[in-house]
């Protein structure tokens, strides 16, 4: 129940808290009112009982002493006739032995019967009260003559009007407290709803923000210079700053991509220039030895191999630089193109390249081509930069537990703290550094995968684990 209450809107919780406090306050106030009313009623009842019983005691004392039954009856009749109202219902008088001498209703209390049946439930005048809810109370008092107890008197008093007054007062207090509580709860709800409207607006925008929060319209911000209005404007400033940072990250990623292509272009220039020199020599040989078919055939074969190599290089460059590749799925030929693009970099630096693609067709064919190629290219370029001249760089692709495991390793000194932070954490990129490793992390996160970095036996290995995606319907 506590967990459910914690999920209620704050306006509802405040209204409920107000209701609980009002109920507690109403209970305390009602108890005080009823207690004061009860004391006043008991004081009036005790005063009436005292006057009634003491007056009868003075008048009946001598007659009870002489056991003059008729005079006792006559006194009781005159007392009942002179009594104001109908509060006195029944009176019985007994002698010192507890035997009834007279009663206002002889049938209920016959003469010479024991008075114990009436005296057991009677209380002294000082203890009489209407708080127990009974409509009739019994009062007892001794009859004394010159300090000598000569008998006992028991009187029944009607207190139904006092009980009704107390009940009506309790109902009135209950109705009044309920009405006041309802009014205050509704008023508190509407007041708090109005006061918290800017906060709910902020919570709504933050809940829908995601990675790109939208600013709150200026018309919805209170014009008063309050804490809430400043909070909303601070949120708008934060949304603008996030948009600016997102745009900056996008531009940095584009710059990193073009820098990577530039580095590849410098390596590919050597890869293209070398066969071009051989092709030009082949054409000169054909011109010189046109009358020798065997030389022409060998030169033609050399031209064919060189041109095919140049075609593969140009196709790989076009494929890597294509703008719209979001709809194409990954294949093993993508890694062959990637090797063709990257291998000149390792050749230029005299590095040994290990390239291992194990059977993972089912997983590969369900992943998008562009982000996976970009991940592999950035990691390979980083590994080649970290490895020394004549070092080793490797790429391994395999399937494990229905996931694509892409591992790139090198024998360089390992990642620096700044580079590790770019690859493994979500902290902002430090100014002056590249965003290639951060781009790898963002692409892997977008594909629902994970990145791990491990160094062992002088080699650093970065492993990217990408889950298999469900095949999209045709």
Protein backbone atom coordinates (compact mmCIF):
# COMPACT_ATOMS: atom_id res chain seq x y z
CA UNK A 1 0.00 0.00 0.00
CA UNK A 2 2.86 2.37 0.80
CA UNK A 3 4.37 1.73 -2.62
CA UNK A 4 1.05 2.50 -4.28
CA UNK A 5 0.66 5.75 -2.34
CA UNK A 6 4.18 6.73 -3.38
CA UNK A 7 3.16 6.54 -7.04
CA UNK A 8 0.18 8.90 -6.62
CA UNK A 9 0.42 12.42 -8.09
CA UNK A 10 1.69 14.95 -5.58
CA UNK A 11 -1.57 16.91 -5.73
CA UNK A 12 -3.50 13.79 -4.66
CA UNK A 13 -1.02 13.05 -1.89
CA UNK A 14 -1.26 16.60 -0.55
CA UNK A 15 -5.07 16.41 -0.65
CA UNK A 16 -5.02 13.09 1.23
CA UNK A 17 -2.55 14.47 3.79
CA UNK A 18 -4.79 17.51 4.28
CA UNK A 19 -7.80 15.25 4.79
CA UNK A 20 -5.95 13.13 7.35
CA UNK A 21 -4.80 16.22 9.28
CA UNK A 22 -8.31 17.71 9.19
CA UNK A 23 -9.81 14.44 10.47
CA UNK A 24 -7.30 14.34 13.33
CA UNK A 25 -7.96 17.99 14.13
CA UNK A 26 -11.71 17.40 13.97
CA UNK A 27 -11.46 14.44 16.30
CA UNK A 28 -9.46 16.42 18.85
CA UNK A 29 -11.76 19.45 18.64
CA UNK A 30 -14.92 17.31 18.78
CA UNK A 31 -13.59 15.44 21.79
CA UNK A 32 -12.94 18.73 23.56
CA UNK A 33 -16.43 20.06 22.74
CA UNK A 34 -18.16 16.85 23.82
CA UNK A 35 -16.06 16.70 26.99
CA UNK A 36 -17.01 20.29 27.90
CA UNK A 37 -20.68 19.61 27.14
CA UNK A 38 -20.56 16.45 29.25
CA UNK A 39 -19.08 18.30 32.21
CA UNK A 40 -21.77 20.97 32.02
CA UNK A 41 -24.53 18.38 31.77
CA UNK A 42 -23.14 16.34 34.67
CA UNK A 43 -22.81 19.45 36.81
CA UNK A 44 -26.47 20.40 36.14
CA UNK A 45 -27.62 16.81 36.75
CA UNK A 46 -25.68 16.53 40.00
CA UNK A 47 -27.05 19.87 41.18
CA UNK A 48 -30.62 18.77 40.42
CA UNK A 49 -30.11 15.40 42.13
CA UNK A 50 -28.55 17.01 45.18
CA UNK A 51 -31.40 19.48 45.65
CA UNK A 52 -34.02 16.77 45.10
CA UNK A 53 -32.50 14.15 47.39
CA UNK A 54 -31.49 16.56 50.14
CA UNK A 55 -34.97 18.14 50.18
CA UNK A 56 -36.58 14.71 50.50
CA UNK A 57 -34.08 13.67 53.14
CA UNK A 58 -34.96 16.66 55.34
CA UNK A 59 -38.68 16.12 54.92
CA UNK A 60 -38.67 12.32 55.28
CA UNK A 61 -36.16 11.91 58.08
CA UNK A 62 -38.56 12.21 61.10
CA UNK A 63 -41.24 10.09 59.42
CA UNK A 64 -38.78 7.33 58.56
CA UNK A 65 -37.43 7.43 62.12
CA UNK A 66 -40.94 6.75 63.47
CA UNK A 67 -41.79 4.48 60.52
CA UNK A 68 -44.83 6.60 59.67
CA UNK A 69 -45.56 5.05 56.31
CA UNK A 70 -48.54 7.25 55.42
CA UNK A 71 -46.62 10.44 56.05
CA UNK A 72 -43.79 9.12 53.89
CA UNK A 73 -46.27 8.41 51.08
CA UNK A 74 -47.82 11.83 51.47
CA UNK A 75 -44.41 13.54 51.37
CA UNK A 76 -43.41 11.65 48.22
CA UNK A 77 -46.71 12.60 46.52
CA UNK A 78 -46.31 16.27 47.39
CA UNK A 79 -42.68 16.22 46.22
CA UNK A 80 -43.62 14.70 42.87
CA UNK A 81 -46.45 17.18 42.40
CA UNK A 82 -44.21 20.15 43.17
CA UNK A 83 -41.26 18.91 41.05
CA UNK A 84 -40.72 20.91 37.84
CA UNK A 85 -40.63 18.83 34.70
CA UNK A 86 -40.68 15.09 34.51
CA UNK A 87 -37.05 14.24 35.31
CA UNK A 88 -37.97 12.34 38.55
CA UNK A 89 -39.44 9.01 37.50
CA UNK A 90 -39.43 6.90 40.62
CA UNK A 91 -38.47 7.20 44.29
CA UNK A 92 -38.28 4.52 46.97
CA UNK A 93 -37.59 4.98 50.71
CA UNK A 94 -36.31 2.27 53.08
CA UNK A 95 -35.61 2.08 56.80
CA UNK A 96 -32.32 1.33 58.48
CA UNK A 97 -32.81 -2.40 57.84
CA UNK A 98 -33.13 -1.86 54.08
CA UNK A 99 -36.84 -2.62 54.00
CA UNK A 100 -39.09 -0.55 51.79
CA UNK A 101 -41.35 1.85 53.70
CA UNK A 102 -42.92 3.66 50.72
CA UNK A 103 -42.43 4.27 46.99
CA UNK A 104 -43.99 6.44 44.34
CA UNK A 105 -44.92 3.19 42.53
CA UNK A 106 -45.97 0.62 45.19
CA UNK A 107 -46.30 -2.10 42.56
CA UNK A 108 -42.58 -1.89 41.68
CA UNK A 109 -41.48 -1.62 45.32
CA UNK A 110 -43.96 -3.25 47.70
CA UNK A 111 -43.77 -2.38 51.40
CA UNK A 112 -41.30 -4.42 53.46
CA UNK A 113 -39.45 -5.65 50.36
CA UNK A 114 -35.65 -5.33 50.22
CA UNK A 115 -34.27 -2.20 48.55
CA UNK A 116 -31.13 -3.96 47.34
CA UNK A 117 -32.54 -4.51 43.83
CA UNK A 118 -32.70 -0.72 43.38
CA UNK A 119 -29.67 0.28 45.44
CA UNK A 120 -27.20 -2.02 43.63
CA UNK A 121 -27.17 0.10 40.48
CA UNK A 122 -27.52 3.47 42.25
CA UNK A 123 -24.64 5.91 42.65
CA UNK A 124 -24.04 8.76 45.10
CA UNK A 125 -25.07 12.26 44.10
CA UNK A 126 -21.46 13.33 43.43
CA UNK A 127 -20.94 10.49 40.91
CA UNK A 128 -24.13 10.74 38.90
CA UNK A 129 -23.51 11.24 35.14
CA UNK A 130 -25.27 10.94 31.80
CA UNK A 131 -22.10 10.01 29.91
CA UNK A 132 -22.76 6.26 29.93
CA UNK A 133 -25.59 6.67 27.40
CA UNK A 134 -28.40 5.28 29.63
CA UNK A 135 -31.63 7.24 29.53
CA UNK A 136 -32.31 6.54 33.26
CA UNK A 137 -29.87 6.88 36.17
CA UNK A 138 -30.36 5.98 39.84
CA UNK A 139 -29.19 8.15 42.72
CA UNK A 140 -28.93 6.99 46.34
CA UNK A 141 -28.54 8.99 49.54
CA UNK A 142 -28.78 8.17 53.26
CA UNK A 143 -31.56 9.52 55.51
CA UNK A 144 -30.14 11.00 58.71
CA UNK A 145 -31.72 12.51 61.79
CA UNK A 146 -29.36 14.28 64.19
CA UNK A 147 -26.41 12.38 62.79
CA UNK A 148 -28.12 9.01 62.98
CA UNK A 149 -28.75 6.98 59.78
CA UNK A 150 -32.40 6.03 59.88
CA UNK A 151 -32.90 4.86 56.28
CA UNK A 152 -32.03 5.19 52.58
CA UNK A 153 -33.59 6.87 49.60
CA UNK A 154 -33.17 5.81 45.93
CA UNK A 155 -34.42 7.98 43.06
CA UNK A 156 -34.57 7.28 39.30
CA UNK A 157 -33.91 10.32 37.10
CA UNK A 158 -34.77 10.66 33.40
CA UNK A 159 -31.67 11.88 31.49
CA UNK A 160 -32.83 10.99 27.97
CA UNK A 161 -32.86 14.67 26.98
CA UNK A 162 -29.23 15.06 28.05
CA UNK A 163 -28.21 11.92 26.13
CA UNK A 164 -30.06 13.22 23.07
CA UNK A 165 -28.30 16.57 23.35
CA UNK A 166 -24.92 14.87 23.47
CA UNK A 167 -25.79 12.63 20.52
CA UNK A 168 -27.07 15.57 18.46
CA UNK A 169 -23.97 17.56 19.29
CA UNK A 170 -21.75 14.65 18.17
CA UNK A 171 -23.66 14.32 14.89
CA UNK A 172 -23.48 18.06 14.29
CA UNK A 173 -19.75 18.06 14.93
CA UNK A 174 -19.30 15.07 12.63
CA UNK A 175 -21.25 16.71 9.81
CA UNK A 176 -19.47 20.03 10.29
CA UNK A 177 -16.03 18.45 10.35
CA UNK A 178 -16.81 16.35 7.27
CA UNK A 179 -18.03 19.41 5.35
CA UNK A 180 -15.04 21.50 6.45
CA UNK A 181 -12.64 18.67 5.58
CA UNK A 182 -14.18 18.21 2.12
CA UNK A 183 -14.07 21.95 1.40
CA UNK A 184 -10.46 22.29 2.52
CA UNK A 185 -9.38 19.15 0.66
CA UNK A 186 -10.93 20.36 -2.61
CA UNK A 187 -9.53 23.85 -2.09
CA UNK A 188 -6.09 22.43 -1.30
CA UNK A 189 -6.20 20.18 -4.36
CA UNK A 190 -7.05 23.00 -6.77
CA UNK A 191 -4.58 25.41 -5.16
CA UNK A 192 -1.75 22.87 -5.24
CA UNK A 193 -2.66 21.80 -8.78
CA UNK A 194 -2.38 25.42 -9.86
CA UNK A 195 0.87 25.96 -7.98
CA UNK A 196 2.43 22.73 -9.29
CA UNK A 197 1.29 23.16 -12.88
CA UNK A 198 4.74 24.43 -13.94
CA UNK A 199 6.40 21.48 -12.19
CA UNK A 200 4.09 19.01 -13.97
CA UNK A 201 4.88 20.77 -17.24
CA UNK A 202 8.60 20.36 -16.55
CA UNK A 203 8.15 16.69 -15.58
CA UNK A 204 6.15 16.09 -18.77
CA UNK A 205 8.86 17.59 -20.98
CA UNK A 206 11.62 15.76 -19.11
CA UNK A 207 9.71 12.47 -19.41
CA UNK A 208 9.40 12.88 -23.17
CA UNK A 209 12.88 14.31 -23.58
CA UNK A 210 14.86 11.12 -24.19
CA UNK A 211 18.15 11.99 -25.89
CA UNK A 212 16.81 15.24 -27.38
CA UNK A 213 14.82 17.36 -24.88
CA UNK A 214 12.46 19.92 -26.37
CA UNK A 215 12.29 23.44 -24.86
CA UNK A 216 9.14 24.48 -23.02
CA UNK A 217 7.12 27.10 -24.91
CA UNK A 218 7.66 30.57 -23.50
CA UNK A 219 3.89 31.11 -23.26
CA UNK A 220 3.64 28.21 -20.79
CA UNK A 221 6.25 29.70 -18.41
CA UNK A 222 4.85 31.88 -15.58
CA UNK A 223 5.66 35.55 -16.08
CA UNK A 224 6.44 36.12 -12.41
CA UNK A 225 10.11 35.94 -11.42
CA UNK A 226 9.56 32.92 -9.18
CA UNK A 227 11.68 29.88 -8.45
CA UNK A 228 9.49 27.77 -10.75
CA UNK A 229 9.79 30.15 -13.70
CA UNK A 230 13.57 30.26 -13.27
CA UNK A 231 13.59 26.45 -13.11
CA UNK A 232 11.69 26.19 -16.40
CA UNK A 233 13.98 28.70 -18.09
CA UNK A 234 17.01 26.79 -16.81
CA UNK A 235 15.52 23.66 -18.39
CA UNK A 236 15.19 25.51 -21.70
CA UNK A 237 18.82 26.61 -21.43
CA UNK A 238 19.84 23.01 -20.71
CA UNK A 239 17.82 21.76 -23.70
CA UNK A 240 19.54 24.32 -25.91
CA UNK A 241 22.95 23.29 -24.58
CA UNK A 242 22.17 19.62 -25.25
CA UNK A 243 21.09 20.42 -28.80
CA UNK A 244 24.29 22.39 -29.33
CA UNK A 245 26.41 19.56 -27.92
CA UNK A 246 24.58 16.99 -30.07
CA UNK A 247 25.26 19.08 -33.15
CA UNK A 248 28.90 19.50 -32.14
CA UNK A 249 29.27 15.75 -31.61
CA UNK A 250 27.73 15.13 -35.03
CA UNK A 251 30.15 17.53 -36.67
CA UNK A 252 33.08 15.99 -34.80
CA UNK A 253 31.97 12.53 -35.93
CA UNK A 254 31.80 13.73 -39.52
CA UNK A 255 35.21 15.32 -39.20
CA UNK A 256 36.60 12.10 -37.74
CA UNK A 257 35.11 10.16 -40.63
CA UNK A 258 36.70 12.43 -43.20
CA UNK A 259 40.02 12.34 -41.33
CA UNK A 260 39.86 8.54 -41.43
CA UNK A 261 39.14 8.62 -45.14
CA UNK A 262 42.03 11.03 -45.62
CA UNK A 263 44.41 8.70 -43.86
CA UNK A 264 43.18 5.84 -46.00
CA UNK A 265 43.51 7.93 -49.14
CA UNK A 266 47.20 8.55 -48.45
CA UNK A 267 47.75 4.81 -48.12
CA UNK A 268 45.59 4.01 -51.13
CA UNK A 269 47.62 6.44 -53.24
CA UNK A 270 50.61 4.13 -52.82
CA UNK A 271 48.40 1.10 -53.49
CA UNK A 272 47.19 2.65 -56.76
CA UNK A 273 50.50 4.17 -57.89
CA UNK A 274 52.38 0.89 -57.66
CA UNK A 275 50.19 -1.04 -60.13
CA UNK A 276 49.95 2.06 -62.36
CA UNK A 277 53.69 2.01 -62.86
CA UNK A 278 53.54 -1.66 -63.80
CA UNK A 279 50.62 -1.04 -66.16
CA UNK A 280 52.48 1.76 -67.94
CA UNK A 281 55.51 -0.51 -68.34
CA UNK A 282 53.21 -3.22 -69.76
CA UNK A 283 51.80 -0.82 -72.36
CA UNK A 284 55.33 0.25 -73.36
CA UNK A 285 56.31 -3.42 -73.68
CA UNK A 286 53.31 -4.11 -75.94
CA UNK A 287 54.20 -1.18 -78.19
CA UNK A 288 57.85 -2.23 -78.35
CA UNK A 289 57.29 -5.97 -78.88
CA UNK A 290 54.02 -5.90 -80.79
CA UNK A 291 55.35 -8.59 -83.15
CA UNK A 292 55.98 -11.06 -80.33
CA UNK A 293 52.70 -12.75 -79.29
CA UNK A 294 54.12 -14.34 -76.13
CA UNK A 295 55.33 -10.98 -74.76
CA UNK A 296 52.04 -9.31 -75.71
CA UNK A 297 50.09 -12.10 -73.96
CA UNK A 298 52.15 -11.78 -70.77
CA UNK A 299 51.77 -7.99 -70.79
CA UNK A 300 48.00 -8.33 -71.39
CA UNK A 301 47.72 -10.70 -68.41
CA UNK A 302 49.63 -8.16 -66.30
CA UNK A 303 47.30 -5.40 -67.50
CA UNK A 304 44.25 -7.52 -66.66
CA UNK A 305 45.44 -8.28 -63.12
CA UNK A 306 46.39 -4.66 -62.49
CA UNK A 307 43.11 -3.28 -63.79
CA UNK A 308 41.10 -5.78 -61.77
CA UNK A 309 43.02 -4.74 -58.68
CA UNK A 310 42.33 -1.06 -59.37
CA UNK A 311 38.65 -1.88 -59.96
CA UNK A 312 38.43 -3.63 -56.58
CA UNK A 313 40.12 -0.71 -54.84
CA UNK A 314 37.78 1.85 -56.44
CA UNK A 315 34.73 -0.27 -55.65
CA UNK A 316 35.77 -0.54 -52.00
CA UNK A 317 36.33 3.23 -51.79
CA UNK A 318 32.92 3.98 -53.32
CA UNK A 319 31.23 1.48 -51.03
CA UNK A 320 32.84 2.98 -47.93
CA UNK A 321 32.04 6.56 -48.97
CA UNK A 322 28.45 5.89 -50.03
CA UNK A 323 26.06 8.25 -48.23
CA UNK A 324 22.93 6.11 -48.00
CA UNK A 325 23.81 2.63 -46.74
CA UNK A 326 21.24 2.33 -43.93
CA UNK A 327 19.11 -0.21 -45.76
CA UNK A 328 21.85 -2.69 -46.74
CA UNK A 329 22.67 -5.66 -44.54
CA UNK A 330 26.18 -6.79 -43.65
CA UNK A 331 27.95 -9.54 -45.59
CA UNK A 332 31.39 -11.14 -45.59
CA UNK A 333 32.30 -9.19 -48.72
CA UNK A 334 32.12 -6.00 -46.62
CA UNK A 335 35.06 -7.25 -44.55
CA UNK A 336 36.99 -8.12 -47.71
CA UNK A 337 36.42 -4.58 -48.97
CA UNK A 338 37.47 -3.27 -45.57
CA UNK A 339 40.67 -5.29 -45.76
CA UNK A 340 41.40 -3.91 -49.20
CA UNK A 341 40.99 -0.38 -47.85
CA UNK A 342 42.99 -0.91 -44.66
CA UNK A 343 45.82 -3.18 -45.79
CA UNK A 344 47.83 -0.42 -47.52
CA UNK A 345 48.09 1.36 -44.14
CA UNK A 346 49.77 -1.66 -42.53
CA UNK A 347 51.91 -2.23 -45.64
CA UNK A 348 53.16 1.35 -45.53
CA UNK A 349 54.25 0.89 -41.89
CA UNK A 350 55.56 -2.62 -42.34
CA UNK A 351 53.00 -4.06 -39.93
CA UNK A 352 51.77 -7.65 -39.99
CA UNK A 353 47.98 -7.93 -40.52
CA UNK A 354 46.07 -10.96 -39.27
CA UNK A 355 42.57 -11.30 -40.75
CA UNK A 356 40.32 -14.11 -39.53
CA UNK A 357 36.63 -14.38 -40.48
CA UNK A 358 35.01 -17.52 -39.05
CA UNK A 359 31.59 -18.83 -40.05
CA UNK A 360 29.04 -16.33 -38.72
CA UNK A 361 26.79 -15.89 -41.74
CA UNK A 362 23.50 -16.12 -39.81
CA UNK A 363 24.43 -13.30 -37.45
CA UNK A 364 26.25 -11.18 -40.04
CA UNK A 365 23.32 -11.17 -42.44
CA UNK A 366 21.02 -9.69 -39.79
CA UNK A 367 23.18 -6.66 -38.94
CA UNK A 368 23.32 -3.33 -40.81
CA UNK A 369 26.41 -2.85 -42.94
CA UNK A 370 27.31 0.82 -42.45
CA UNK A 371 27.69 1.01 -38.63
CA UNK A 372 29.53 -2.34 -38.36
CA UNK A 373 32.01 -1.32 -41.09
CA UNK A 374 32.52 2.03 -39.37
CA UNK A 375 33.15 0.31 -36.03
CA UNK A 376 35.70 -2.08 -37.52
CA UNK A 377 37.43 0.67 -39.55
CA UNK A 378 37.81 3.02 -36.55
CA UNK A 379 39.17 0.24 -34.33
CA UNK A 380 41.62 -0.92 -37.01
CA UNK A 381 42.91 2.61 -37.63
CA UNK A 382 43.32 3.13 -33.89
CA UNK A 383 45.15 -0.21 -33.57
CA UNK A 384 47.48 0.60 -36.48
CA UNK A 385 48.30 3.99 -34.95
CA UNK A 386 48.99 2.38 -31.55
CA UNK A 387 51.15 -0.47 -32.93
CA UNK A 388 54.80 0.33 -33.73
CA UNK A 389 56.32 0.12 -37.21
CA UNK A 390 56.79 -3.56 -37.93
CA UNK A 391 54.21 -4.49 -35.27
CA UNK A 392 51.09 -6.59 -35.57
CA UNK A 393 47.40 -5.79 -36.00
CA UNK A 394 44.63 -8.38 -36.13
CA UNK A 395 40.89 -8.58 -36.80
CA UNK A 396 38.80 -11.56 -35.71
CA UNK A 397 35.12 -12.17 -36.52
CA UNK A 398 33.23 -15.08 -35.01
CA UNK A 399 29.81 -16.11 -33.73
CA UNK A 400 29.17 -16.92 -30.08
CA UNK A 401 25.80 -17.45 -28.39
CA UNK A 402 23.94 -15.93 -31.34
CA UNK A 403 26.08 -12.78 -31.12
CA UNK A 404 28.71 -11.35 -33.45
CA UNK A 405 32.06 -11.05 -31.66
CA UNK A 406 34.36 -8.53 -33.42
CA UNK A 407 37.84 -8.33 -31.87
CA UNK A 408 40.69 -5.99 -32.89
CA UNK A 409 44.10 -6.33 -31.22
CA UNK A 410 47.55 -4.76 -31.52
CA UNK A 411 50.92 -4.97 -29.81
CA UNK A 412 51.10 -1.28 -28.96
CA UNK A 413 51.49 0.26 -25.48
CA UNK A 414 47.74 0.10 -24.77
CA UNK A 415 44.98 2.66 -24.43
CA UNK A 416 45.61 5.83 -22.48
CA UNK A 417 43.21 6.88 -19.74
CA UNK A 418 41.65 9.50 -22.03
CA UNK A 419 41.21 6.98 -24.86
CA UNK A 420 39.75 4.38 -22.49
CA UNK A 421 37.30 6.99 -21.16
CA UNK A 422 36.16 7.76 -24.72
CA UNK A 423 35.60 4.08 -25.45
CA UNK A 424 34.25 2.74 -22.14
CA UNK A 425 32.39 5.63 -20.45
CA UNK A 426 29.72 8.19 -21.25
CA UNK A 427 31.77 11.12 -19.94
CA UNK A 428 32.04 14.14 -22.27
CA UNK A 429 34.91 14.00 -24.77
CA UNK A 430 37.86 16.13 -23.65
CA UNK A 431 38.59 19.09 -25.93
CA UNK A 432 41.40 18.54 -28.43
CA UNK A 433 40.92 14.77 -28.79
CA UNK A 434 39.38 12.75 -31.56
CA UNK A 435 35.97 11.19 -31.33
CA UNK A 436 36.73 7.94 -33.22
CA UNK A 437 36.57 5.76 -30.11
CA UNK A 438 33.55 7.65 -28.82
CA UNK A 439 31.89 7.12 -32.19
CA UNK A 440 32.57 3.40 -31.81
CA UNK A 441 30.86 3.38 -28.42
CA UNK A 442 27.85 5.33 -29.75
CA UNK A 443 27.46 3.00 -32.73
CA UNK A 444 27.77 -0.12 -30.58
CA UNK A 445 25.23 1.26 -28.08
CA UNK A 446 22.85 2.05 -30.93
CA UNK A 447 23.05 -1.59 -32.05
CA UNK A 448 22.36 -2.84 -28.52
CA UNK A 449 25.85 -4.27 -28.05
CA UNK A 450 28.74 -3.89 -25.63
CA UNK A 451 32.45 -3.04 -25.66
CA UNK A 452 35.22 -4.69 -23.63
CA UNK A 453 38.94 -3.87 -23.44
CA UNK A 454 41.54 -6.39 -22.30
CA UNK A 455 45.35 -6.31 -22.24
CA UNK A 456 47.39 -9.48 -21.90
CA UNK A 457 50.91 -10.57 -22.83
CA UNK A 458 51.79 -7.20 -24.37
CA UNK A 459 48.71 -7.04 -26.61
CA UNK A 460 45.61 -4.87 -26.31
CA UNK A 461 42.36 -6.39 -27.51
CA UNK A 462 39.09 -4.50 -27.94
CA UNK A 463 36.06 -6.78 -28.31
CA UNK A 464 32.70 -5.61 -29.63
CA UNK A 465 29.72 -7.89 -29.01
CA UNK A 466 26.66 -7.27 -31.20
CA UNK A 467 23.37 -9.17 -30.73
CA UNK A 468 21.65 -10.75 -33.66
CA UNK A 469 18.74 -8.69 -34.95
CA UNK A 470 15.40 -10.16 -35.92
CA UNK A 471 15.00 -10.46 -39.65
CA UNK A 472 12.73 -7.75 -41.03
CA UNK A 473 9.72 -8.87 -43.07
CA UNK A 474 10.11 -8.47 -46.80
